[in-house]
Amino acid sequence: MNKLLRPLLIAASLFWLISPAAYSHCQIPCGIYDDHAKVKEMLQDVATARKAISQIQNLTGKSDPQSNNQLVRWVMNKEQHAQNIIATISDYFLTQRVKAKQKDYSERLIRHHSVIVSAMKVKQNADIKYVDELEKAVKALADYYPEHKH
């Protein structure tokens, strides 16, 4: 193998391996943030969890293999989207955007924690009321992260 090509292949392989970890946004002081987009992303996860619970309810009681397969897939989907929200709050907002020096720090912590707890309840249950609570909790963060007009 060409001596110049080998390091490039190694570098490309390493980048490919670490790129999924960098998706949620880096934790270095790069200054590139779009908090409003993150809130919208969480609301999309909420909508997906809502759809999943609806499908779970529709498939419950059916015993054919295809229905069972789809039921499992919808449960896994609900779990993943609720987990996405938990990760966004903990890995993005709580580590980078909620600061102890903010005047309303305690209130912000309470609201962000409420999102995590609500997402956990969505993971544990198949009742739309928990999705409603999660959506309300995520929307309660929107005032902190308005859309930037350029």
Protein backbone atom coordinates (compact mmCIF):
# COMPACT_ATOMS: atom_id res chain seq x y z
CA MET A 1 0.00 0.00 0.00
CA ASN A 2 1.20 3.49 -0.81
CA LYS A 3 2.91 5.10 2.22
CA LEU A 4 0.90 8.30 1.76
CA LEU A 5 -2.42 6.50 1.36
CA ARG A 6 -2.19 4.46 4.56
CA PRO A 7 -2.27 7.46 7.01
CA LEU A 8 -5.19 8.95 5.09
CA LEU A 9 -7.13 5.70 5.33
CA ILE A 10 -6.40 5.44 9.05
CA ALA A 11 -7.50 9.05 9.62
CA ALA A 12 -10.67 8.54 7.60
CA SER A 13 -11.47 5.37 9.55
CA LEU A 14 -10.97 7.12 12.88
CA PHE A 15 -13.15 10.03 11.79
CA TRP A 16 -15.88 7.60 10.74
CA LEU A 17 -15.71 5.87 14.13
CA ILE A 18 -15.96 9.05 16.20
CA SER A 19 -18.37 11.04 14.03
CA PRO A 20 -21.56 9.56 15.59
CA ALA A 21 -20.35 10.67 19.02
CA ALA A 22 -19.89 14.22 17.74
CA TYR A 23 -23.42 14.44 16.35
CA SER A 24 -25.02 15.83 19.52
CA HIS A 25 -22.57 18.72 19.37
CA CYS A 26 -19.07 19.04 20.64
CA GLN A 27 -18.28 19.98 24.22
CA ILE A 28 -15.51 22.37 23.35
CA PRO A 29 -15.86 26.15 23.35
CA CYS A 30 -16.57 26.40 19.63
CA GLY A 31 -19.40 28.91 20.10
CA ILE A 32 -21.59 27.28 17.45
CA TYR A 33 -24.99 26.74 19.02
CA ASP A 34 -28.56 26.67 17.76
CA ASP A 35 -30.55 26.19 20.93
CA HIS A 36 -33.89 26.83 19.22
CA ALA A 37 -33.14 24.07 16.71
CA LYS A 38 -32.39 21.69 19.59
CA VAL A 39 -35.79 22.46 21.14
CA LYS A 40 -37.47 21.84 17.77
CA GLU A 41 -35.53 18.57 17.49
CA MET A 42 -36.84 17.50 20.89
CA LEU A 43 -40.39 18.37 19.84
CA GLN A 44 -39.93 16.16 16.79
CA ASP A 45 -38.83 13.35 19.13
CA VAL A 46 -41.99 13.99 21.18
CA ALA A 47 -44.13 13.73 18.05
CA THR A 48 -42.43 10.46 17.13
CA ALA A 49 -43.03 9.06 20.63
CA ARG A 50 -46.69 10.09 20.31
CA LYS A 51 -46.98 8.24 17.00
CA ALA A 52 -45.23 5.20 18.48
CA ILE A 53 -47.61 5.00 21.43
CA SER A 54 -50.57 5.33 19.09
CA GLN A 55 -49.26 2.43 17.01
CA ILE A 56 -48.49 0.38 20.13
CA GLN A 57 -52.08 0.83 21.26
CA ASN A 58 -53.38 -0.18 17.80
CA LEU A 59 -51.23 -3.32 17.71
CA THR A 60 -51.89 -4.47 21.27
CA GLY A 61 -53.90 -7.69 21.35
CA LYS A 62 -52.93 -8.79 17.87
CA SER A 63 -51.05 -12.07 17.82
CA ASP A 64 -49.88 -12.52 14.24
CA PRO A 65 -46.11 -12.44 13.70
CA GLN A 66 -46.13 -9.25 11.61
CA SER A 67 -48.11 -7.33 14.27
CA ASN A 68 -45.79 -8.61 16.99
CA ASN A 69 -42.79 -7.55 14.95
CA GLN A 70 -44.21 -4.07 14.40
CA LEU A 71 -45.17 -3.77 18.07
CA VAL A 72 -41.58 -4.44 19.13
CA ARG A 73 -40.28 -1.96 16.57
CA TRP A 74 -42.63 0.79 17.80
CA VAL A 75 -41.64 0.15 21.42
CA MET A 76 -37.96 0.39 20.50
CA ASN A 77 -38.66 3.55 18.51
CA LYS A 78 -40.46 5.16 21.46
CA GLU A 79 -37.57 4.26 23.75
CA GLN A 80 -34.98 5.73 21.39
CA HIS A 81 -36.76 9.04 20.86
CA ALA A 82 -37.33 9.50 24.59
CA GLN A 83 -33.64 8.71 25.13
CA ASN A 84 -32.70 11.28 22.46
CA ILE A 85 -34.48 13.92 24.54
CA ILE A 86 -32.73 12.85 27.73
CA ALA A 87 -29.36 13.01 25.96
CA THR A 88 -30.09 16.44 24.47
CA ILE A 89 -30.99 17.86 27.87
CA SER A 90 -28.07 16.31 29.72
CA ASP A 91 -25.34 16.40 27.07
CA TYR A 92 -26.22 19.69 25.41
CA PHE A 93 -28.30 21.97 27.62
CA LEU A 94 -27.18 21.07 31.14
CA THR A 95 -23.51 20.81 30.28
CA GLN A 96 -23.27 23.82 27.97
CA ARG A 97 -26.22 26.18 28.15
CA VAL A 98 -27.50 26.22 31.76
CA LYS A 99 -24.97 28.18 33.82
CA ALA A 100 -24.75 28.61 37.59
CA LYS A 101 -24.26 32.36 37.11
CA GLN A 102 -27.69 32.79 35.48
CA LYS A 103 -30.16 34.70 37.67
CA ASP A 104 -32.85 32.06 37.16
CA TYR A 105 -30.46 29.10 37.45
CA SER A 106 -32.65 27.14 39.91
CA GLU A 107 -35.74 27.58 37.75
CA ARG A 108 -33.83 26.48 34.65
CA LEU A 109 -32.55 23.37 36.43
CA ILE A 110 -36.06 22.49 37.55
CA ARG A 111 -37.48 22.91 34.03
CA HIS A 112 -34.71 20.93 32.36
CA HIS A 113 -34.94 18.19 34.98
CA SER A 114 -38.70 18.05 34.38
CA VAL A 115 -38.02 17.21 30.73
CA ILE A 116 -35.70 14.36 31.71
CA VAL A 117 -38.22 12.92 34.19
CA SER A 118 -41.06 13.24 31.66
CA ALA A 119 -38.99 11.49 28.98
CA MET A 120 -38.22 8.70 31.44
CA LYS A 121 -41.95 8.26 32.07
CA VAL A 122 -42.56 8.02 28.31
CA LYS A 123 -40.00 5.23 28.19
CA GLN A 124 -41.72 3.41 31.06
CA ASN A 125 -45.30 3.73 29.82
CA ALA A 126 -47.50 3.41 26.77
CA ASP A 127 -50.01 6.11 27.69
CA ILE A 128 -50.38 9.32 25.67
CA LYS A 129 -50.77 11.36 28.88
CA TYR A 130 -47.02 10.96 29.48
CA VAL A 131 -46.26 12.26 26.00
CA ASP A 132 -48.53 15.23 26.70
CA GLU A 133 -46.55 15.96 29.88
CA LEU A 134 -43.27 15.64 27.99
CA GLU A 135 -44.43 17.97 25.24
CA LYS A 136 -45.52 20.55 27.83
CA ALA A 137 -42.14 20.27 29.60
CA VAL A 138 -40.18 20.72 26.36
CA LYS A 139 -42.33 23.68 25.31
CA ALA A 140 -41.65 25.26 28.73
CA LEU A 141 -38.00 25.55 27.65
CA ALA A 142 -38.79 27.44 24.44
CA ASP A 143 -38.77 30.85 26.16
CA TYR A 144 -35.14 30.31 27.12
CA TYR A 145 -34.13 29.50 23.56
CA PRO A 146 -35.93 31.77 21.06
CA GLU A 147 -35.30 31.55 17.37
CA HIS A 148 -32.58 33.91 16.20
CA LYS A 149 -33.54 36.31 13.44
CA HIS A 150 -30.61 37.10 11.19
